[in-house]
Amino acid sequence: MSIVFHEKNRTFHLFNDKISYIMAVLPNGQMGQLYFGKRIHQREDYSYLLEMMARPMGSYVFENDRTLSLEHVKQEYGVYGSTDYRCPAVEILQENGSRISDFCYKSHTVSGGKPKLKGLPATYTESDSEAETLTLVLEDKVTGIELELLYTLFAGSGIIARSARFLNCGKKPVHLLKAMSLCMDLPDHDYDWIQFSGAWARERYPKKRRLETGIQSVGSMRGHSSHEHNPFVILKRPTADEFQGEVIGFSLIYSGNFLAQAEVDTHDTTRVLLGINPEWFDWKLEPGEEFQTPEAVMVYTDRGMNDMSQTFHRLFQKRLARGYWRDRERPILINNWEATYFDFTEERIVEIAKKAKEQGIELFVLDDGWFGKRTSERAGLGDWKANPERLPEGITGLAQKIEALGMKFGLWFEPEMVNKDSDLYREHPDWILSVPERRQSQGRYQYVLDFSRKEVVDYIYDRMAEILGSGKVSYVKWDMNRSITECWSAALPADRQGEVFHRYILGVYDLYDRLNTAFPEVLFESCASGGGRFDPGLLYYAPQGWASDDTDAAERLKIQYGTSYCYPISSIGAHVSASPNHQIMRSTPLYTRANVACFGTFGYELDLNRLTAEEQEEVKRQITFMKKYRSVLQFGSFYRLESPFEGNVTAWMSVSGDRKTAVVGWYRTLNGINMGYTRVKLRGLEPDSVYRVSEDGALRGEYYGDELMNVGLVTSDADSGELLPGMRPSCDFDSRIFVLEK
């Protein structure tokens, strides 16, 4: 791993065993991009990679010199208006109305490790040997603004983390209208663009299309990363697949409005931009003030999408998630929401918890409805005190009862919201985001608290800290059930209203950080009506997130498969719920619901007392299995084998770090009749080792790793012929779990 600066040619080469990243100071002082891809040899002169030529209708930087046109040069942080006509990475409104900037190289530093980003989540290192960071200092001499571009190169992987910091060293305020975290110019457009899109209950479906001339983008203007689009995109070569070919993944570590964009110009170069969505963004930067963008992470590989995913998994699991729960197996929980909704008493809750303990469950989570006058969606949000009619001894008393059963206790909060029918709103009606004299839109009968205001965040922190400090609360489910509308703060002047969206997210991060610090052993799970804020930003504070409100097993195959392209299995909240499913009214076998959920943090979302005795015994077996193999399932290397978006069968697997144990999940949506024989080719095994393969505890046989990977694991069953006595019948929404032991 090294970052080399060649002073003669003013060229930078960032490289390790996997990748090279080369850039140079252009003749006008701006930074140009020369190469990003597979590792190449270090040499002193890469000047041949900077190609400049006179073109008809060209605009040129220097008078009497028809060579340097920024329109035709790949750049590190493009600026519109001074011969570059592509979408810029930065736009600064100055006092005279101009938006032209000229950020030229001033200096640079190289340091071991990685600096912390103030007030923002970001990847980190635990020793200086894990990474090196290049900080480029650029200067716009007219405004006096300094721009720091940060590049962190991680050892032994194709990862580069990037961000930008603006410092107003001038004498006049400016307005930062656009400040992207990453600008990446690529020399061609021969890529497939893959985004991860959907809606509530069908989040993060991969959508693929070829890059073509023009602009392809996804983003959010909802105040959160959203169910609709995820702040993660992939560019892959058309011939690349899961296990071979060039792939670049781009992920933004941010939870608010974002933009991910690829612009292909008419000369077939591609500009990728990733960062805060510039729509409605306007940050006033006074002299002496600074602005730090969120961090963007790029991952390059020439070994296919699965290798890219595993690289993100390792990074996000070990160097984005933090704290007590980072490396620990996650407790098996039961949540009462789909069992009771708002209709519960303490007696009913304890009854559900007792049965859960009998089955081997480790954590009980009390969901919405425990506070204020919260008997429906219409009241109580913001009044974070236990309802004595439901919980006579409060949260402390209930937590003690749950702990006395031998389980841990968890609690639901929605700290960013308020109902108008609440004591908090009656006392502070100006604490919601709303525009004077305009209609106040509601979602789920609730309104968004103005987390851009410190006093609001302080108030919510005090209420939550009081509860977490007085009761034995081991887990917090942090929900957020609506998008932001009427984004205006009563605490900011007119020329700073463009800051509210970002300040809101900074307030959310601040509350998370303070609670993490005060209660380091509490396990936080992020939730936003399911997957509406399932993004890397929150993984920094909450090592797992509720992936979707949709708990149907068949739908979850797609949701969890799509999620796995970027996010580790240990981050994916997945539960077994009742049948028929409450969201889609589909009936699926109990074993399939568990077989899907076990590739996640795993839990139950139903009343176990309502199951038959046979089903309760099945749940016990599921929990015993999960406890035995959850380390492999949650922290092993994950491989996607067959896609639910491409056929009737889904398959995936997790392999332990020592490659001695693997768990394979196989799922078939609809049953067939007199079908062909089937196999699935496995991955990640030791070719020369023999693996004992079992299904439902029964030995299937012993096979070499190379057999299982090249010939395949036989999955043929009763739908391949007649159902004979003693055979396991097949059905719709069928599934099987195979365990491999070396």
Foldseek 3Di string as FASTA:
>chain_A
DDWDAQVVQQKIWDDAQFWIWIWGQDPLQFIFGQDIAGDDDDDRDPPVSWFWDADPPFQAQDPPDRTDAVCPTHHWFADPDRRHPDDTQWFKQDPVRDGDFDWGFDDKDKFFWDDDDPLFFDFGDPDSLQWMKMWTWTAGVVQRKIKIWIWIDGHPFQKIKIWMKIARQGQFKMKILHHFRGKGKAPAQQWKKWWFADAAQQAGFIDIDGDDAAKDKDKDPQLFRFRGTAQKMKTFHPPFAAFFAKIKIKAWQATGTKMWMWHQHPSGMIITTIFHPSVLAIAMHHHGRMDITTMMMMGIHRTHLLSSLLVLAVRLLPGRFDFDCSQDQFFAEEEACLAANQHAALVRQLLLLLLCVVLPGAEYEYEPHQFDNRSALQADAPGLWGDCVRVVPTQQVSQVSSVVSVHGYAYEHALFKHACRHPVCVVPVQQFQADPPDDQDDDSRITGGQLLDPVSLVVSLVSVCVSVVNHRHQEYEHEAEGTHDNQAHPVDDPSRSSCRSVSNRSSVSVSLVVVCVVCVRRAYEYYYQACTRPGSRCCNRHVAYRNHPNQDLLSLLSSVVSVSSNYAQAHYQHEQEDPVTPPPNHGADSVSSLLSRLLHSYYYHHRPVPDDPVVSVVSSVSSVVSVVCSSQSRPFSKGWFDHPVPDQKGKIKGAHPVQQKMKIKIKGAFFAALDAWDFTADDDHDQADKKFKDWPPHTPDIDGNVCCHPVGHTDDACRNHHDDPPGDDDGHGDMIMMMIGD
